[in-house]
Amino acid sequence: MGTHRPRVWLVTGASSGFGRAVTEYALYNNEIVSAAVRNPETLGDLGHKYGPDHLLVVPCNVASTEQITDAFTATKMKFGHIDIVLHCAGYAIVGEIEGTPEQTARDLFDVNFWATANVSKEAVKIFREQGHGGRLLNISSGAGLVGLIASGYYSASKHAVEGLTECLAKEVIPSWNIKISILEPGAFKTRAHSENCVILPAHDAYKTSEAPTFHVRNHFEEGSSTWGDVVKAAKKIFEFTKLENPPLRWQIGREAIEGIKAQMESILEESKVLENWSDDLLMEG
């Protein structure tokens, strides 16, 4: 990607949170954004400010494979190429695993996991075909590596996003010049903790102060006193896209860094406990 022209972004979930903040910052820096959102009216203010040469708003429900494909097609037709795909769309569920209806969990996976899979495949296809590569950034979460109490299915969906994206990054041929990264933010003040969150009633068996989920629910409802600022994070994400050799994973926020460090240390310690049990497990002969 050369520096003689503004880069073209395709951002999903651009109506709020990280998607909105990065969209605004990219436009402010004279870049071009195709914003894929369920409700185009949410970006009306940016459309008036930047105009059609810099902002294309594409209606897109990421649960629909066809609408994802249409968003990529519209972007390519309008601007001729795509340099960066930032996939932010998603939502959360707060509830015990026992208390989460199966269809509710499946709906979550349609948006958090399957949409990520479909956006990622479309991005790689476009990047490969246009000949100069591109960058794919999938928003995961600290929950993509650390399971969160009272968010079992959300954590599972983000674990799946991590596994899929890591495998995809290993599968693409280096000569395609496709750079893939997983972004793992901690607790930032977004609609993921309000409108974009489904809070289920507590399962009867967990309506006791003995239940870990009881205390997590109270903490979630009270909110964090140390929310991260998505506007500040957007600037860092913009800088991240300029890295020549970006890492596969990037933890955003001290909370995410410390949580994942503790998780990795715990896994290493656990692996030592019964490590010698694996010494004589090979087939003989």
C-alpha atoms as a PDB file:
ATOM      1  CA  MET A   1       0.000   0.000   0.000  1.00  0.00           C
ATOM      2  CA  GLY A   2       1.526   3.260  -1.094  1.00  0.00           C
ATOM      3  CA  THR A   3       1.474   6.543   0.757  1.00  0.00           C
ATOM      4  CA  HIS A   4       0.482   8.658  -2.253  1.00  0.00           C
ATOM      5  CA  ARG A   5      -3.239   8.106  -1.720  1.00  0.00           C
ATOM      6  CA  PRO A   6      -5.564   7.924   1.290  1.00  0.00           C
ATOM      7  CA  ARG A   7      -6.185   4.418   2.529  1.00  0.00           C
ATOM      8  CA  VAL A   8      -9.626   2.861   2.195  1.00  0.00           C
ATOM      9  CA  TRP A   9     -11.140   1.272   5.300  1.00  0.00           C
ATOM     10  CA  LEU A  10     -14.130  -1.019   5.605  1.00  0.00           C
ATOM     11  CA  VAL A  11     -15.392  -0.887   9.186  1.00  0.00           C
ATOM     12  CA  THR A  12     -18.197  -3.071  10.514  1.00  0.00           C
ATOM     13  CA  GLY A  13     -20.112  -2.014  13.604  1.00  0.00           C
ATOM     14  CA  ALA A  14     -19.240   1.587  12.750  1.00  0.00           C
ATOM     15  CA  SER A  15     -22.259   3.120  14.480  1.00  0.00           C
ATOM     16  CA  SER A  16     -20.825   2.944  18.008  1.00  0.00           C
ATOM     17  CA  GLY A  17     -17.906   1.952  20.198  1.00  0.00           C
ATOM     18  CA  PHE A  18     -14.561   1.160  18.605  1.00  0.00           C
ATOM     19  CA  GLY A  19     -16.058   1.135  15.107  1.00  0.00           C
ATOM     20  CA  ARG A  20     -17.468   4.644  15.399  1.00  0.00           C
ATOM     21  CA  ALA A  21     -14.356   6.049  17.100  1.00  0.00           C
ATOM     22  CA  VAL A  22     -11.952   4.617  14.511  1.00  0.00           C
ATOM     23  CA  THR A  23     -14.223   5.716  11.651  1.00  0.00           C
ATOM     24  CA  GLU A  24     -14.190   9.294  12.958  1.00  0.00           C
ATOM     25  CA  TYR A  25     -10.435   9.305  13.494  1.00  0.00           C
ATOM     26  CA  ALA A  26      -9.674   7.854  10.053  1.00  0.00           C
ATOM     27  CA  LEU A  27     -11.914  10.448   8.400  1.00  0.00           C
ATOM     28  CA  TYR A  28     -10.309  13.206  10.454  1.00  0.00           C
ATOM     29  CA  ASN A  29      -6.957  12.046   9.076  1.00  0.00           C
ATOM     30  CA  ASN A  30      -8.191  12.391   5.491  1.00  0.00           C
ATOM     31  CA  GLU A  31      -8.665   8.681   4.907  1.00  0.00           C
ATOM     32  CA  ILE A  32     -11.656   6.995   3.288  1.00  0.00           C
ATOM     33  CA  VAL A  33     -14.127   4.835   5.182  1.00  0.00           C
ATOM     34  CA  SER A  34     -16.852   2.459   4.090  1.00  0.00           C
ATOM     35  CA  ALA A  35     -18.968   2.082   7.215  1.00  0.00           C
ATOM     36  CA  ALA A  36     -21.072  -1.071   7.402  1.00  0.00           C
ATOM     37  CA  VAL A  37     -23.940  -0.550   9.849  1.00  0.00           C
ATOM     38  CA  ARG A  38     -27.419  -1.917  10.475  1.00  0.00           C
ATOM     39  CA  ASN A  39     -28.920   1.564  10.576  1.00  0.00           C
ATOM     40  CA  PRO A  40     -27.273   4.051   8.163  1.00  0.00           C
ATOM     41  CA  GLU A  41     -29.053   6.977   9.841  1.00  0.00           C
ATOM     42  CA  THR A  42     -26.712   6.641  12.839  1.00  0.00           C
ATOM     43  CA  LEU A  43     -23.881   8.076  10.714  1.00  0.00           C
ATOM     44  CA  GLY A  44     -25.856  10.917   9.164  1.00  0.00           C
ATOM     45  CA  ASP A  45     -23.763  13.537  10.973  1.00  0.00           C
ATOM     46  CA  LEU A  46     -20.512  12.155   9.575  1.00  0.00           C
ATOM     47  CA  GLY A  47     -22.012  11.947   6.093  1.00  0.00           C
ATOM     48  CA  HIS A  48     -22.833  15.658   6.157  1.00  0.00           C
ATOM     49  CA  LYS A  49     -19.401  16.533   7.526  1.00  0.00           C
ATOM     50  CA  TYR A  50     -17.176  14.495   5.205  1.00  0.00           C
ATOM     51  CA  GLY A  51     -19.256  13.873   2.086  1.00  0.00           C
ATOM     52  CA  PRO A  52     -19.527  10.889  -0.273  1.00  0.00           C
ATOM     53  CA  ASP A  53     -15.928  11.064  -1.496  1.00  0.00           C
ATOM     54  CA  HIS A  54     -14.654  10.126   1.948  1.00  0.00           C
ATOM     55  CA  LEU A  55     -17.520   8.217   3.574  1.00  0.00           C
ATOM     56  CA  LEU A  56     -19.715   5.480   2.180  1.00  0.00           C
ATOM     57  CA  VAL A  57     -22.389   4.183   4.546  1.00  0.00           C
ATOM     58  CA  VAL A  58     -23.479   0.660   3.678  1.00  0.00           C
ATOM     59  CA  PRO A  59     -26.486  -1.018   5.303  1.00  0.00           C
ATOM     60  CA  CYS A  60     -25.255  -4.323   6.667  1.00  0.00           C
ATOM     61  CA  ASN A  61     -26.544  -6.813   9.196  1.00  0.00           C
ATOM     62  CA  VAL A  62     -23.436  -8.939   9.726  1.00  0.00           C
ATOM     63  CA  ALA A  63     -25.596 -11.952  10.575  1.00  0.00           C
ATOM     64  CA  SER A  64     -26.356 -12.053   6.822  1.00  0.00           C
ATOM     65  CA  THR A  65     -23.620 -13.500   4.609  1.00  0.00           C
ATOM     66  CA  GLU A  66     -25.202 -11.832   1.587  1.00  0.00           C
ATOM     67  CA  GLN A  67     -25.144  -8.382   3.183  1.00  0.00           C
ATOM     68  CA  ILE A  68     -21.487  -8.815   4.124  1.00  0.00           C
ATOM     69  CA  THR A  69     -20.646  -9.675   0.517  1.00  0.00           C
ATOM     70  CA  ASP A  70     -22.711  -6.712  -0.690  1.00  0.00           C
ATOM     71  CA  ALA A  71     -20.818  -4.360   1.646  1.00  0.00           C
ATOM     72  CA  PHE A  72     -17.466  -5.452   0.227  1.00  0.00           C
ATOM     73  CA  THR A  73     -18.769  -5.223  -3.340  1.00  0.00           C
ATOM     74  CA  ALA A  74     -20.172  -1.715  -2.804  1.00  0.00           C
ATOM     75  CA  THR A  75     -16.903  -0.551  -1.253  1.00  0.00           C
ATOM     76  CA  LYS A  76     -14.799  -1.967  -4.075  1.00  0.00           C
ATOM     77  CA  MET A  77     -17.093  -0.456  -6.712  1.00  0.00           C
ATOM     78  CA  LYS A  78     -17.065   2.977  -5.059  1.00  0.00           C
ATOM     79  CA  PHE A  79     -13.373   3.305  -4.213  1.00  0.00           C
ATOM     80  CA  GLY A  80     -11.662   0.686  -6.412  1.00  0.00           C
ATOM     81  CA  HIS A  81      -9.823  -1.112  -3.626  1.00  0.00           C
ATOM     82  CA  ILE A  82      -9.794  -1.816   0.125  1.00  0.00           C
ATOM     83  CA  ASP A  83      -6.701  -1.416   2.302  1.00  0.00           C
ATOM     84  CA  ILE A  84      -7.954  -2.138   5.820  1.00  0.00           C
ATOM     85  CA  VAL A  85     -10.865  -4.165   7.160  1.00  0.00           C
ATOM     86  CA  LEU A  86     -11.708  -3.507  10.807  1.00  0.00           C
ATOM     87  CA  HIS A  87     -14.369  -5.899  12.038  1.00  0.00           C
ATOM     88  CA  CYS A  88     -15.988  -4.535  15.203  1.00  0.00           C
ATOM     89  CA  ALA A  89     -19.591  -5.735  15.058  1.00  0.00           C
ATOM     90  CA  GLY A  90     -20.693  -7.861  18.000  1.00  0.00           C
ATOM     91  CA  TYR A  91     -22.565  -7.931  21.284  1.00  0.00           C
ATOM     92  CA  ALA A  92     -22.497  -9.581  24.700  1.00  0.00           C
ATOM     93  CA  ILE A  93     -24.696 -11.756  26.875  1.00  0.00           C
ATOM     94  CA  VAL A  94     -24.582 -11.683  30.665  1.00  0.00           C
ATOM     95  CA  GLY A  95     -26.012 -14.818  32.209  1.00  0.00           C
ATOM     96  CA  GLU A  96     -25.191 -18.186  33.666  1.00  0.00           C
ATOM     97  CA  ILE A  97     -24.456 -20.923  31.135  1.00  0.00           C
ATOM     98  CA  GLU A  98     -27.284 -22.991  32.643  1.00  0.00           C
ATOM     99  CA  GLY A  99     -29.626 -20.051  32.346  1.00  0.00           C
ATOM    100  CA  THR A 100     -28.898 -19.140  28.715  1.00  0.00           C
ATOM    101  CA  PRO A 101     -31.430 -20.521  26.198  1.00  0.00           C
ATOM    102  CA  GLU A 102     -29.792 -22.363  23.326  1.00  0.00           C
ATOM    103  CA  GLN A 103     -31.330 -20.140  20.650  1.00  0.00           C
ATOM    104  CA  THR A 104     -30.073 -17.041  22.471  1.00  0.00           C
ATOM    105  CA  ALA A 105     -26.557 -18.486  22.419  1.00  0.00           C
ATOM    106  CA  ARG A 106     -26.847 -19.487  18.744  1.00  0.00           C
ATOM    107  CA  ASP A 107     -27.956 -15.970  17.817  1.00  0.00           C
ATOM    108  CA  LEU A 108     -24.896 -14.614  19.611  1.00  0.00           C
ATOM    109  CA  PHE A 109     -22.596 -16.940  17.665  1.00  0.00           C
ATOM    110  CA  ASP A 110     -24.213 -15.884  14.388  1.00  0.00           C
ATOM    111  CA  VAL A 111     -23.059 -12.326  15.035  1.00  0.00           C
ATOM    112  CA  ASN A 112     -19.870 -12.745  17.058  1.00  0.00           C
ATOM    113  CA  PHE A 113     -18.376 -15.808  15.377  1.00  0.00           C
ATOM    114  CA  TRP A 114     -19.966 -16.553  12.022  1.00  0.00           C
ATOM    115  CA  ALA A 115     -19.963 -12.908  10.980  1.00  0.00           C
ATOM    116  CA  THR A 116     -16.258 -12.762  11.830  1.00  0.00           C
ATOM    117  CA  ALA A 117     -15.664 -15.862   9.722  1.00  0.00           C
ATOM    118  CA  ASN A 118     -17.563 -14.428   6.757  1.00  0.00           C
ATOM    119  CA  VAL A 119     -15.995 -10.969   6.978  1.00  0.00           C
ATOM    120  CA  SER A 120     -12.545 -12.534   7.261  1.00  0.00           C
ATOM    121  CA  LYS A 121     -13.004 -14.782   4.243  1.00  0.00           C
ATOM    122  CA  GLU A 122     -14.318 -11.912   2.141  1.00  0.00           C
ATOM    123  CA  ALA A 123     -11.449  -9.668   3.229  1.00  0.00           C
ATOM    124  CA  VAL A 124      -8.793 -12.232   2.336  1.00  0.00           C
ATOM    125  CA  LYS A 125     -10.429 -12.855  -1.046  1.00  0.00           C
ATOM    126  CA  ILE A 126     -10.518  -9.129  -1.877  1.00  0.00           C
ATOM    127  CA  PHE A 127      -6.951  -8.537  -0.639  1.00  0.00           C
ATOM    128  CA  ARG A 128      -5.617 -11.454  -2.669  1.00  0.00           C
ATOM    129  CA  GLU A 129      -7.444 -10.508  -5.851  1.00  0.00           C
ATOM    130  CA  GLN A 130      -6.460  -6.837  -5.798  1.00  0.00           C
ATOM    131  CA  GLY A 131      -2.790  -7.820  -5.793  1.00  0.00           C
ATOM    132  CA  HIS A 132      -1.302  -5.562  -3.120  1.00  0.00           C
ATOM    133  CA  GLY A 133      -2.616  -7.243   0.002  1.00  0.00           C
ATOM    134  CA  GLY A 134      -4.245  -5.514   2.935  1.00  0.00           C
ATOM    135  CA  ARG A 135      -4.808  -5.590   6.672  1.00  0.00           C
ATOM    136  CA  LEU A 136      -7.524  -7.438   8.561  1.00  0.00           C
ATOM    137  CA  LEU A 137      -8.161  -6.530  12.184  1.00  0.00           C
ATOM    138  CA  ASN A 138     -10.718  -8.563  14.117  1.00  0.00           C
ATOM    139  CA  ILE A 139     -11.926  -7.145  17.410  1.00  0.00           C
ATOM    140  CA  SER A 140     -11.947  -9.860  20.045  1.00  0.00           C
ATOM    141  CA  SER A 141     -11.753  -9.182  23.781  1.00  0.00           C
ATOM    142  CA  GLY A 142      -9.764 -10.064  26.837  1.00  0.00           C
ATOM    143  CA  ALA A 143     -12.514 -12.705  27.081  1.00  0.00           C
ATOM    144  CA  GLY A 144     -11.056 -14.295  23.964  1.00  0.00           C
ATOM    145  CA  LEU A 145      -8.318 -15.793  26.135  1.00  0.00           C
ATOM    146  CA  VAL A 146      -9.721 -15.482  29.658  1.00  0.00           C
ATOM    147  CA  GLY A 147     -13.144 -16.959  30.352  1.00  0.00           C
ATOM    148  CA  LEU A 148     -15.416 -14.469  32.097  1.00  0.00           C
ATOM    149  CA  ILE A 149     -17.844 -15.514  34.809  1.00  0.00           C
ATOM    150  CA  ALA A 150     -21.482 -14.872  33.829  1.00  0.00           C
ATOM    151  CA  SER A 151     -20.393 -14.437  30.211  1.00  0.00           C
ATOM    152  CA  GLY A 152     -19.779 -18.027  29.196  1.00  0.00           C
ATOM    153  CA  TYR A 153     -21.250 -17.922  25.706  1.00  0.00           C
ATOM    154  CA  TYR A 154     -19.788 -14.489  24.985  1.00  0.00           C
ATOM    155  CA  SER A 155     -16.367 -15.765  26.078  1.00  0.00           C
ATOM    156  CA  ALA A 156     -16.833 -18.906  23.990  1.00  0.00           C
ATOM    157  CA  SER A 157     -17.681 -16.841  20.909  1.00  0.00           C
ATOM    158  CA  LYS A 158     -14.554 -14.719  21.373  1.00  0.00           C
ATOM    159  CA  HIS A 159     -12.404 -17.813  21.985  1.00  0.00           C
ATOM    160  CA  ALA A 160     -13.742 -19.090  18.653  1.00  0.00           C
ATOM    161  CA  VAL A 161     -12.889 -15.772  16.968  1.00  0.00           C
ATOM    162  CA  GLU A 162      -9.345 -16.054  18.306  1.00  0.00           C
ATOM    163  CA  GLY A 163      -8.895 -19.617  17.074  1.00  0.00           C
ATOM    164  CA  LEU A 164     -10.305 -18.920  13.629  1.00  0.00           C
ATOM    165  CA  THR A 165      -8.298 -15.728  13.120  1.00  0.00           C
ATOM    166  CA  GLU A 166      -5.060 -17.320  14.302  1.00  0.00           C
ATOM    167  CA  CYS A 167      -5.500 -20.231  11.906  1.00  0.00           C
ATOM    168  CA  LEU A 168      -6.353 -17.896   9.032  1.00  0.00           C
ATOM    169  CA  ALA A 169      -3.205 -15.861   9.711  1.00  0.00           C
ATOM    170  CA  LYS A 170      -1.174 -19.078   9.471  1.00  0.00           C
ATOM    171  CA  GLU A 171      -2.921 -20.241   6.294  1.00  0.00           C
ATOM    172  CA  VAL A 172      -2.520 -17.180   4.067  1.00  0.00           C
ATOM    173  CA  ILE A 173       0.469 -17.296   1.724  1.00  0.00           C
ATOM    174  CA  PRO A 174       3.091 -14.692   2.677  1.00  0.00           C
ATOM    175  CA  SER A 175       3.422 -13.360  -0.870  1.00  0.00           C
ATOM    176  CA  TRP A 176      -0.206 -12.173  -0.706  1.00  0.00           C
ATOM    177  CA  ASN A 177       0.945  -9.491   1.784  1.00  0.00           C
ATOM    178  CA  ILE A 178      -2.130  -9.908   3.969  1.00  0.00           C
ATOM    179  CA  LYS A 179      -1.532  -8.891   7.577  1.00  0.00           C
ATOM    180  CA  ILE A 180      -3.996 -10.247  10.114  1.00  0.00           C
ATOM    181  CA  SER A 181      -4.311  -9.242  13.760  1.00  0.00           C
ATOM    182  CA  ILE A 182      -6.603  -9.875  16.721  1.00  0.00           C
ATOM    183  CA  LEU A 183      -7.362  -6.884  18.930  1.00  0.00           C
ATOM    184  CA  GLU A 184      -8.139  -7.736  22.554  1.00  0.00           C
ATOM    185  CA  PRO A 185      -9.545  -4.709  24.398  1.00  0.00           C
ATOM    186  CA  GLY A 186     -10.276  -4.731  28.093  1.00  0.00           C
ATOM    187  CA  ALA A 187     -13.101  -2.764  29.725  1.00  0.00           C
ATOM    188  CA  PHE A 188     -13.881   0.259  27.561  1.00  0.00           C
ATOM    189  CA  LYS A 189     -16.970   2.416  27.857  1.00  0.00           C
ATOM    190  CA  THR A 190     -19.044   1.332  24.864  1.00  0.00           C
ATOM    191  CA  ARG A 191     -22.586   0.181  24.143  1.00  0.00           C
ATOM    192  CA  ALA A 192     -21.338  -3.371  24.708  1.00  0.00           C
ATOM    193  CA  HIS A 193     -22.191  -2.716  28.358  1.00  0.00           C
ATOM    194  CA  SER A 194     -25.598  -1.192  27.686  1.00  0.00           C
ATOM    195  CA  GLU A 195     -27.663  -1.318  24.468  1.00  0.00           C
ATOM    196  CA  ASN A 196     -25.455  -3.985  22.872  1.00  0.00           C
ATOM    197  CA  CYS A 197     -25.701  -6.327  25.838  1.00  0.00           C
ATOM    198  CA  VAL A 198     -28.382  -8.885  26.662  1.00  0.00           C
ATOM    199  CA  ILE A 199     -28.709  -9.351  30.430  1.00  0.00           C
ATOM    200  CA  LEU A 200     -30.577 -12.540  31.228  1.00  0.00           C
ATOM    201  CA  PRO A 201     -32.443 -13.231  34.477  1.00  0.00           C
ATOM    202  CA  ALA A 202     -30.391 -15.109  37.037  1.00  0.00           C
ATOM    203  CA  HIS A 203     -30.854 -18.875  37.032  1.00  0.00           C
ATOM    204  CA  ASP A 204     -32.666 -19.916  40.223  1.00  0.00           C
ATOM    205  CA  ALA A 205     -29.767 -22.091  41.405  1.00  0.00           C
ATOM    206  CA  TYR A 206     -27.404 -19.095  41.247  1.00  0.00           C
ATOM    207  CA  LYS A 207     -29.524 -16.609  43.213  1.00  0.00           C
ATOM    208  CA  THR A 208     -27.226 -16.817  46.196  1.00  0.00           C
ATOM    209  CA  SER A 209     -24.213 -14.859  47.389  1.00  0.00           C
ATOM    210  CA  GLU A 210     -22.243 -18.132  47.216  1.00  0.00           C
ATOM    211  CA  ALA A 211     -22.426 -18.032  43.416  1.00  0.00           C
ATOM    212  CA  PRO A 212     -19.514 -16.335  41.619  1.00  0.00           C
ATOM    213  CA  THR A 213     -22.000 -15.068  39.028  1.00  0.00           C
ATOM    214  CA  PHE A 214     -23.981 -13.281  41.768  1.00  0.00           C
ATOM    215  CA  HIS A 215     -21.090 -10.946  42.494  1.00  0.00           C
ATOM    216  CA  VAL A 216     -20.163 -10.481  38.834  1.00  0.00           C
ATOM    217  CA  ARG A 217     -23.723  -9.439  38.036  1.00  0.00           C
ATOM    218  CA  ASN A 218     -23.608  -6.796  40.756  1.00  0.00           C
ATOM    219  CA  HIS A 219     -20.260  -5.501  39.512  1.00  0.00           C
ATOM    220  CA  PHE A 220     -21.503  -5.397  35.924  1.00  0.00           C
ATOM    221  CA  GLU A 221     -24.634  -3.457  36.837  1.00  0.00           C
ATOM    222  CA  GLU A 222     -22.639  -0.957  38.902  1.00  0.00           C
ATOM    223  CA  GLY A 223     -20.117  -0.481  36.100  1.00  0.00           C
ATOM    224  CA  SER A 224     -16.371   0.004  36.238  1.00  0.00           C
ATOM    225  CA  SER A 225     -14.671   2.990  37.802  1.00  0.00           C
ATOM    226  CA  THR A 226     -11.797   2.548  35.358  1.00  0.00           C
ATOM    227  CA  TRP A 227     -13.441   2.427  31.932  1.00  0.00           C
ATOM    228  CA  GLY A 228     -11.086   2.818  28.997  1.00  0.00           C
ATOM    229  CA  ASP A 229     -11.649   5.689  26.546  1.00  0.00           C
ATOM    230  CA  VAL A 230     -12.489   4.422  23.045  1.00  0.00           C
ATOM    231  CA  VAL A 231     -11.473   7.751  21.480  1.00  0.00           C
ATOM    232  CA  LYS A 232      -7.962   7.388  22.874  1.00  0.00           C
ATOM    233  CA  ALA A 233      -7.900   3.724  21.837  1.00  0.00           C
ATOM    234  CA  ALA A 234      -9.006   4.645  18.302  1.00  0.00           C
ATOM    235  CA  LYS A 235      -5.879   6.752  17.865  1.00  0.00           C
ATOM    236  CA  LYS A 236      -3.732   3.794  18.934  1.00  0.00           C
ATOM    237  CA  ILE A 237      -5.594   1.460  16.553  1.00  0.00           C
ATOM    238  CA  PHE A 238      -4.931   3.930  13.739  1.00  0.00           C
ATOM    239  CA  GLU A 239      -1.220   3.894  14.613  1.00  0.00           C
ATOM    240  CA  PHE A 240      -1.304   0.086  14.806  1.00  0.00           C
ATOM    241  CA  THR A 241      -2.402  -0.110  11.169  1.00  0.00           C
ATOM    242  CA  LYS A 242       0.804   1.669  10.173  1.00  0.00           C
ATOM    243  CA  LEU A 243       3.073  -1.006  11.704  1.00  0.00           C
ATOM    244  CA  GLU A 244       5.093  -2.824   9.073  1.00  0.00           C
ATOM    245  CA  ASN A 245       5.042  -6.107  10.997  1.00  0.00           C
ATOM    246  CA  PRO A 246       2.072  -6.055  13.372  1.00  0.00           C
ATOM    247  CA  PRO A 247       1.738  -8.795  16.008  1.00  0.00           C
ATOM    248  CA  LEU A 248      -0.973 -11.404  15.721  1.00  0.00           C
ATOM    249  CA  ARG A 249      -2.459 -10.334  19.064  1.00  0.00           C
ATOM    250  CA  TRP A 250      -2.604  -6.931  20.696  1.00  0.00           C
ATOM    251  CA  GLN A 251      -4.038  -6.394  24.177  1.00  0.00           C
ATOM    252  CA  ILE A 252      -5.544  -2.909  24.480  1.00  0.00           C
ATOM    253  CA  GLY A 253      -5.648  -1.498  27.999  1.00  0.00           C
ATOM    254  CA  ARG A 254      -3.803  -2.437  31.164  1.00  0.00           C
ATOM    255  CA  GLU A 255      -6.707  -4.547  32.408  1.00  0.00           C
ATOM    256  CA  ALA A 256      -6.508  -6.772  29.335  1.00  0.00           C
ATOM    257  CA  ILE A 257      -2.720  -7.042  29.560  1.00  0.00           C
ATOM    258  CA  GLU A 258      -2.709  -8.020  33.230  1.00  0.00           C
ATOM    259  CA  GLY A 259      -5.609 -10.448  32.850  1.00  0.00           C
ATOM    260  CA  ILE A 260      -4.034 -12.298  29.945  1.00  0.00           C
ATOM    261  CA  LYS A 261      -0.602 -12.356  31.601  1.00  0.00           C
ATOM    262  CA  ALA A 262      -2.145 -13.951  34.674  1.00  0.00           C
ATOM    263  CA  GLN A 263      -3.983 -16.478  32.491  1.00  0.00           C
ATOM    264  CA  MET A 264      -0.811 -17.495  30.647  1.00  0.00           C
ATOM    265  CA  GLU A 265       1.129 -17.842  33.896  1.00  0.00           C
ATOM    266  CA  SER A 266      -1.646 -19.955  35.392  1.00  0.00           C
ATOM    267  CA  ILE A 267      -1.688 -22.274  32.377  1.00  0.00           C
ATOM    268  CA  LEU A 268       2.079 -22.748  32.539  1.00  0.00           C
ATOM    269  CA  GLU A 269       1.936 -23.535  36.253  1.00  0.00           C
ATOM    270  CA  GLU A 270      -0.904 -26.017  35.777  1.00  0.00           C
ATOM    271  CA  SER A 271       0.945 -27.768  32.962  1.00  0.00           C
ATOM    272  CA  LYS A 272       3.845 -28.518  35.309  1.00  0.00           C
ATOM    273  CA  VAL A 273       1.704 -30.338  37.875  1.00  0.00           C
ATOM    274  CA  LEU A 274       1.098 -33.483  35.839  1.00  0.00           C
ATOM    275  CA  GLU A 275       3.715 -32.923  33.138  1.00  0.00           C
ATOM    276  CA  ASN A 276       5.494 -36.223  33.849  1.00  0.00           C
ATOM    277  CA  TRP A 277       2.267 -38.172  33.266  1.00  0.00           C
ATOM    278  CA  SER A 278       2.864 -37.641  29.551  1.00  0.00           C
ATOM    279  CA  ASP A 279       6.379 -39.126  29.537  1.00  0.00           C
ATOM    280  CA  ASP A 280       5.397 -42.674  28.569  1.00  0.00           C
ATOM    281  CA  LEU A 281       2.355 -42.344  26.332  1.00  0.00           C
ATOM    282  CA  LEU A 282       3.846 -43.175  22.903  1.00  0.00           C
ATOM    283  CA  MET A 283       2.823 -46.352  21.100  1.00  0.00           C
ATOM    284  CA  GLU A 284       5.407 -49.090  21.166  1.00  0.00           C
ATOM    285  CA  GLY A 285       6.735 -50.973  18.151  1.00  0.00           C
END
